[in-house]
N, C-alpha and C. Protein backbone atom coordinates (compact mmCIF):
# COMPACT_ATOMS: atom_id res chain seq x y z
N MET A 1 -119.22 116.97 37.41
CA MET A 1 -120.68 116.94 37.37
C MET A 1 -121.18 115.65 36.72
N ARG A 2 -120.44 115.21 35.69
CA ARG A 2 -120.83 113.98 34.98
C ARG A 2 -120.90 112.79 35.93
N TRP A 3 -119.87 112.65 36.77
CA TRP A 3 -119.85 111.50 37.68
C TRP A 3 -120.94 111.60 38.75
N LEU A 4 -121.23 112.82 39.18
CA LEU A 4 -122.32 113.00 40.14
C LEU A 4 -123.65 112.57 39.53
N LEU A 5 -123.88 112.91 38.27
CA LEU A 5 -125.11 112.50 37.59
C LEU A 5 -125.16 110.98 37.41
N ILE A 6 -124.04 110.38 37.09
CA ILE A 6 -124.00 108.92 36.92
C ILE A 6 -124.30 108.22 38.25
N VAL A 7 -123.67 108.69 39.32
CA VAL A 7 -123.92 108.09 40.65
C VAL A 7 -125.38 108.30 41.04
N THR A 8 -125.90 109.51 40.84
CA THR A 8 -127.30 109.78 41.14
C THR A 8 -128.21 108.90 40.31
N GLY A 9 -127.86 108.68 39.05
CA GLY A 9 -128.65 107.80 38.18
C GLY A 9 -128.70 106.38 38.71
N PHE A 10 -127.56 105.86 39.14
CA PHE A 10 -127.53 104.49 39.65
C PHE A 10 -128.24 104.38 41.01
N VAL A 11 -128.09 105.39 41.86
CA VAL A 11 -128.78 105.37 43.15
C VAL A 11 -130.30 105.41 42.94
N SER A 12 -130.74 106.29 42.05
CA SER A 12 -132.19 106.37 41.80
C SER A 12 -132.70 105.11 41.11
N LEU A 13 -131.89 104.50 40.27
CA LEU A 13 -132.27 103.23 39.65
C LEU A 13 -132.42 102.15 40.72
N ALA A 14 -131.48 102.10 41.65
CA ALA A 14 -131.57 101.12 42.75
C ALA A 14 -132.80 101.38 43.62
N LEU A 15 -133.09 102.65 43.90
CA LEU A 15 -134.29 102.97 44.69
C LEU A 15 -135.56 102.61 43.92
N GLY A 16 -135.56 102.84 42.61
CA GLY A 16 -136.72 102.48 41.80
C GLY A 16 -136.97 100.99 41.79
N ILE A 17 -135.91 100.22 41.65
CA ILE A 17 -136.06 98.76 41.66
C ILE A 17 -136.48 98.29 43.06
N THR A 18 -135.92 98.91 44.10
CA THR A 18 -136.31 98.57 45.46
C THR A 18 -137.78 98.90 45.70
N GLY A 19 -138.26 99.97 45.05
CA GLY A 19 -139.65 100.38 45.19
C GLY A 19 -140.65 99.35 44.71
N VAL A 20 -140.19 98.44 43.85
CA VAL A 20 -141.07 97.37 43.40
C VAL A 20 -141.43 96.46 44.58
N PHE A 21 -140.51 96.29 45.51
CA PHE A 21 -140.68 95.35 46.60
C PHE A 21 -140.96 96.01 47.95
N LEU A 22 -140.63 97.28 48.10
CA LEU A 22 -140.77 97.96 49.38
C LEU A 22 -142.05 98.80 49.39
N PRO A 23 -142.92 98.55 50.35
CA PRO A 23 -144.19 99.27 50.37
C PRO A 23 -144.00 100.78 50.55
N GLY A 24 -144.74 101.53 49.77
CA GLY A 24 -144.74 102.97 49.91
C GLY A 24 -143.65 103.70 49.14
N LEU A 25 -142.65 102.98 48.66
CA LEU A 25 -141.57 103.62 47.91
C LEU A 25 -141.93 103.56 46.42
N PRO A 26 -142.16 104.72 45.80
CA PRO A 26 -142.59 104.69 44.41
C PRO A 26 -141.45 104.32 43.46
N THR A 27 -141.77 103.58 42.44
CA THR A 27 -140.78 103.16 41.46
C THR A 27 -140.63 104.17 40.33
N THR A 28 -141.75 104.62 39.81
CA THR A 28 -141.76 105.46 38.60
C THR A 28 -140.90 106.72 38.71
N PRO A 29 -141.05 107.54 39.74
CA PRO A 29 -140.25 108.77 39.79
C PRO A 29 -138.75 108.51 39.84
N PHE A 30 -138.34 107.45 40.53
CA PHE A 30 -136.91 107.15 40.61
C PHE A 30 -136.37 106.67 39.26
N LEU A 31 -137.17 105.90 38.53
CA LEU A 31 -136.72 105.47 37.20
C LEU A 31 -136.66 106.66 36.24
N ILE A 32 -137.59 107.57 36.36
CA ILE A 32 -137.56 108.78 35.53
C ILE A 32 -136.33 109.61 35.86
N LEU A 33 -136.02 109.74 37.15
CA LEU A 33 -134.82 110.49 37.55
C LEU A 33 -133.55 109.83 37.01
N SER A 34 -133.47 108.51 37.09
CA SER A 34 -132.27 107.84 36.58
C SER A 34 -132.15 108.03 35.06
N THR A 35 -133.27 108.01 34.35
CA THR A 35 -133.24 108.26 32.91
C THR A 35 -132.71 109.66 32.62
N TYR A 36 -133.20 110.63 33.38
CA TYR A 36 -132.76 112.01 33.20
C TYR A 36 -131.25 112.15 33.45
N CYS A 37 -130.79 111.58 34.56
CA CYS A 37 -129.37 111.67 34.92
C CYS A 37 -128.49 111.01 33.86
N PHE A 38 -128.88 109.83 33.41
CA PHE A 38 -128.10 109.15 32.39
C PHE A 38 -128.13 109.89 31.06
N ALA A 39 -129.24 110.52 30.73
CA ALA A 39 -129.34 111.29 29.47
C ALA A 39 -128.37 112.46 29.50
N LYS A 40 -128.21 113.09 30.65
CA LYS A 40 -127.30 114.23 30.78
C LYS A 40 -125.84 113.82 30.88
N ALA A 41 -125.57 112.65 31.46
CA ALA A 41 -124.19 112.27 31.77
C ALA A 41 -123.58 111.27 30.80
N SER A 42 -124.37 110.34 30.29
CA SER A 42 -123.79 109.26 29.50
C SER A 42 -124.79 108.71 28.49
N PRO A 43 -124.60 109.01 27.22
CA PRO A 43 -125.50 108.45 26.21
C PRO A 43 -125.52 106.91 26.22
N LYS A 44 -124.40 106.31 26.55
CA LYS A 44 -124.32 104.84 26.59
C LYS A 44 -125.23 104.27 27.69
N LEU A 45 -125.17 104.85 28.91
CA LEU A 45 -126.02 104.38 30.00
C LEU A 45 -127.49 104.70 29.72
N HIS A 46 -127.74 105.84 29.12
CA HIS A 46 -129.11 106.22 28.77
C HIS A 46 -129.69 105.22 27.78
N ARG A 47 -128.93 104.88 26.77
CA ARG A 47 -129.38 103.91 25.77
C ARG A 47 -129.58 102.54 26.41
N TRP A 48 -128.65 102.15 27.30
CA TRP A 48 -128.77 100.86 27.99
C TRP A 48 -130.08 100.79 28.78
N LEU A 49 -130.41 101.87 29.48
CA LEU A 49 -131.63 101.90 30.28
C LEU A 49 -132.87 101.84 29.38
N LEU A 50 -132.87 102.60 28.30
CA LEU A 50 -134.03 102.63 27.39
C LEU A 50 -134.20 101.31 26.64
N GLU A 51 -133.11 100.59 26.43
CA GLU A 51 -133.19 99.32 25.71
C GLU A 51 -133.37 98.12 26.63
N HIS A 52 -133.43 98.36 27.93
CA HIS A 52 -133.64 97.25 28.88
C HIS A 52 -135.00 96.63 28.59
N PRO A 53 -135.08 95.29 28.52
CA PRO A 53 -136.34 94.65 28.13
C PRO A 53 -137.51 94.89 29.09
N THR A 54 -137.24 95.07 30.37
CA THR A 54 -138.32 95.23 31.33
C THR A 54 -138.68 96.69 31.58
N ILE A 55 -137.68 97.49 31.90
CA ILE A 55 -137.98 98.88 32.26
C ILE A 55 -137.82 99.86 31.11
N GLY A 56 -137.27 99.41 30.01
CA GLY A 56 -137.07 100.29 28.86
C GLY A 56 -138.34 100.81 28.21
N PRO A 57 -139.31 99.95 27.89
CA PRO A 57 -140.52 100.46 27.22
C PRO A 57 -141.28 101.54 27.97
N PRO A 58 -141.51 101.41 29.30
CA PRO A 58 -142.18 102.51 29.98
C PRO A 58 -141.37 103.81 29.97
N LEU A 59 -140.05 103.67 30.05
CA LEU A 59 -139.21 104.87 30.03
C LEU A 59 -139.20 105.52 28.65
N GLN A 60 -139.21 104.70 27.61
CA GLN A 60 -139.32 105.25 26.25
C GLN A 60 -140.64 105.99 26.10
N ASP A 61 -141.69 105.42 26.65
CA ASP A 61 -143.00 106.04 26.62
C ASP A 61 -142.97 107.37 27.37
N TRP A 62 -142.29 107.41 28.51
CA TRP A 62 -142.17 108.65 29.28
C TRP A 62 -141.44 109.72 28.46
N GLU A 63 -140.33 109.33 27.84
CA GLU A 63 -139.58 110.30 27.06
C GLU A 63 -140.37 110.83 25.87
N ALA A 64 -141.23 110.01 25.31
CA ALA A 64 -142.03 110.43 24.16
C ALA A 64 -143.18 111.35 24.56
N HIS A 65 -143.80 111.09 25.72
CA HIS A 65 -145.03 111.79 26.08
C HIS A 65 -144.95 112.64 27.34
N ARG A 66 -143.94 112.41 28.18
CA ARG A 66 -143.81 113.11 29.47
C ARG A 66 -145.06 112.96 30.34
N SER A 67 -145.65 111.77 30.29
CA SER A 67 -146.83 111.48 31.10
C SER A 67 -146.94 109.96 31.23
N ILE A 68 -147.87 109.53 32.09
CA ILE A 68 -148.13 108.10 32.22
C ILE A 68 -149.59 107.85 31.84
N THR A 69 -149.88 106.61 31.51
CA THR A 69 -151.26 106.27 31.16
C THR A 69 -152.08 106.06 32.43
N ARG A 70 -153.38 106.10 32.28
CA ARG A 70 -154.26 105.84 33.43
C ARG A 70 -154.03 104.43 33.98
N ARG A 71 -153.78 103.50 33.08
CA ARG A 71 -153.53 102.11 33.49
C ARG A 71 -152.29 102.03 34.38
N VAL A 72 -151.21 102.71 33.98
CA VAL A 72 -149.97 102.69 34.76
C VAL A 72 -150.20 103.33 36.12
N ARG A 73 -150.93 104.45 36.15
CA ARG A 73 -151.22 105.10 37.42
C ARG A 73 -152.04 104.18 38.32
N PHE A 74 -153.05 103.53 37.74
CA PHE A 74 -153.89 102.62 38.51
C PHE A 74 -153.06 101.47 39.10
N ILE A 75 -152.21 100.88 38.27
CA ILE A 75 -151.37 99.77 38.74
C ILE A 75 -150.43 100.24 39.84
N ALA A 76 -149.82 101.40 39.65
CA ALA A 76 -148.89 101.93 40.65
C ALA A 76 -149.59 102.18 41.98
N LEU A 77 -150.70 102.87 41.93
CA LEU A 77 -151.41 103.20 43.17
C LEU A 77 -152.00 101.96 43.84
N THR A 78 -152.52 101.03 43.04
CA THR A 78 -153.09 99.81 43.60
C THR A 78 -152.02 98.95 44.25
N SER A 79 -150.91 98.73 43.56
CA SER A 79 -149.86 97.89 44.13
C SER A 79 -149.24 98.53 45.36
N MET A 80 -149.04 99.86 45.32
CA MET A 80 -148.52 100.54 46.51
C MET A 80 -149.49 100.40 47.68
N SER A 81 -150.77 100.58 47.42
CA SER A 81 -151.77 100.50 48.49
C SER A 81 -151.81 99.11 49.10
N ILE A 82 -151.78 98.09 48.27
CA ILE A 82 -151.81 96.71 48.76
C ILE A 82 -150.58 96.42 49.62
N MET A 83 -149.41 96.83 49.13
CA MET A 83 -148.18 96.56 49.88
C MET A 83 -148.15 97.34 51.19
N VAL A 84 -148.60 98.58 51.17
CA VAL A 84 -148.62 99.36 52.41
C VAL A 84 -149.60 98.74 53.41
N MET A 85 -150.76 98.32 52.94
CA MET A 85 -151.74 97.69 53.84
C MET A 85 -151.18 96.40 54.43
N LEU A 86 -150.55 95.57 53.61
CA LEU A 86 -149.97 94.32 54.12
C LEU A 86 -148.86 94.59 55.13
N ALA A 87 -148.00 95.52 54.80
CA ALA A 87 -146.90 95.84 55.72
C ALA A 87 -147.43 96.43 57.02
N THR A 88 -148.42 97.30 56.92
CA THR A 88 -149.01 97.89 58.13
C THR A 88 -149.65 96.81 58.99
N TRP A 89 -150.32 95.87 58.34
CA TRP A 89 -150.93 94.75 59.09
C TRP A 89 -149.84 93.92 59.78
N MET A 90 -148.71 93.71 59.11
CA MET A 90 -147.63 92.93 59.71
C MET A 90 -147.04 93.62 60.93
N PHE A 91 -147.06 94.95 60.94
CA PHE A 91 -146.51 95.71 62.05
C PHE A 91 -147.61 96.27 62.95
N ARG A 92 -148.74 95.57 63.03
CA ARG A 92 -149.89 96.10 63.76
C ARG A 92 -149.62 96.31 65.25
N GLY A 93 -148.60 95.71 65.81
CA GLY A 93 -148.27 95.92 67.22
C GLY A 93 -147.33 97.09 67.45
N ASN A 94 -146.85 97.69 66.39
CA ASN A 94 -145.88 98.77 66.50
C ASN A 94 -146.45 100.04 65.87
N PRO A 95 -147.06 100.90 66.67
CA PRO A 95 -147.72 102.08 66.10
C PRO A 95 -146.76 103.03 65.37
N TRP A 96 -145.52 103.12 65.82
CA TRP A 96 -144.56 104.00 65.13
C TRP A 96 -144.26 103.49 63.73
N MET A 97 -144.06 102.20 63.60
CA MET A 97 -143.78 101.62 62.29
C MET A 97 -145.01 101.74 61.39
N MET A 98 -146.18 101.52 61.96
CA MET A 98 -147.41 101.66 61.18
C MET A 98 -147.55 103.09 60.66
N GLY A 99 -147.28 104.06 61.52
CA GLY A 99 -147.35 105.46 61.11
C GLY A 99 -146.33 105.79 60.03
N LEU A 100 -145.12 105.25 60.18
CA LEU A 100 -144.08 105.47 59.17
C LEU A 100 -144.49 104.87 57.82
N LEU A 101 -145.02 103.65 57.86
CA LEU A 101 -145.45 103.00 56.62
C LEU A 101 -146.60 103.75 55.96
N LEU A 102 -147.58 104.15 56.75
CA LEU A 102 -148.73 104.87 56.20
C LEU A 102 -148.33 106.23 55.64
N SER A 103 -147.44 106.92 56.34
CA SER A 103 -147.02 108.25 55.84
C SER A 103 -146.14 108.12 54.60
N SER A 104 -145.28 107.11 54.55
CA SER A 104 -144.46 106.94 53.35
C SER A 104 -145.33 106.49 52.18
N GLY A 105 -146.35 105.69 52.45
CA GLY A 105 -147.29 105.30 51.40
C GLY A 105 -148.06 106.49 50.87
N ALA A 106 -148.47 107.38 51.79
CA ALA A 106 -149.19 108.59 51.36
C ALA A 106 -148.28 109.49 50.54
N LEU A 107 -147.02 109.61 50.93
CA LEU A 107 -146.07 110.41 50.16
C LEU A 107 -145.86 109.81 48.78
N GLY A 108 -145.70 108.49 48.71
CA GLY A 108 -145.54 107.82 47.42
C GLY A 108 -146.75 108.02 46.51
N ALA A 109 -147.93 107.91 47.09
CA ALA A 109 -149.15 108.13 46.31
C ALA A 109 -149.23 109.57 45.82
N TRP A 110 -148.86 110.51 46.66
CA TRP A 110 -148.86 111.92 46.28
C TRP A 110 -147.94 112.16 45.09
N VAL A 111 -146.75 111.54 45.13
CA VAL A 111 -145.80 111.70 44.02
C VAL A 111 -146.40 111.15 42.73
N VAL A 112 -146.97 109.96 42.78
CA VAL A 112 -147.56 109.36 41.58
C VAL A 112 -148.74 110.18 41.09
N LEU A 113 -149.55 110.69 41.99
CA LEU A 113 -150.71 111.48 41.59
C LEU A 113 -150.33 112.81 40.96
N ARG A 114 -149.14 113.29 41.21
CA ARG A 114 -148.69 114.56 40.63
C ARG A 114 -148.19 114.40 39.19
N ILE A 115 -147.94 113.18 38.75
CA ILE A 115 -147.46 112.95 37.38
C ILE A 115 -148.63 113.09 36.42
N LYS A 116 -148.40 113.81 35.34
CA LYS A 116 -149.43 114.05 34.35
C LYS A 116 -149.91 112.73 33.73
N VAL A 117 -151.23 112.64 33.50
CA VAL A 117 -151.84 111.42 32.97
C VAL A 117 -152.42 111.70 31.58
N ARG A 118 -152.30 110.72 30.71
CA ARG A 118 -152.91 110.81 29.39
C ARG A 118 -153.77 109.59 29.17
N ASP A 119 -154.70 109.68 28.24
CA ASP A 119 -155.56 108.53 27.93
C ASP A 119 -154.87 107.53 27.04
C-alpha cells in the first residue's frame, strides 16, 4: 500500500504541475492529493513537498486550514478561464476539441469551486 501511495503521490504531483500549463486541468486538487499520499506513505517525501520553495507554502496553508483563500480561488479560476479561452480559440476549427477543452475547463472550475474558502 505504501508504494501505491507514493506512486499516486508522484502521479498527482506531475498532473498538478502539468495543470499550471495545460488549460482546464486544475493544479490545486492534484497537489493536495499528492500531499495526502506522501503524508500517509513517507514522512520524508511529505516534508520535502511542504518545504519546497514554490509549492510548499500553499500546501502548508492547506494543511493548517483545510481551505483556500478567496485570492487563491480567484487566481485559479481566472488563469484556468484565460487558458481555456485561448486554447479554444486556437482550436476554433475543430468543434470536438473545442468541446473537450470547454468541458474539461468546466470540470476544473467545478473542482476548484467545491473547495472551501476562507477570508
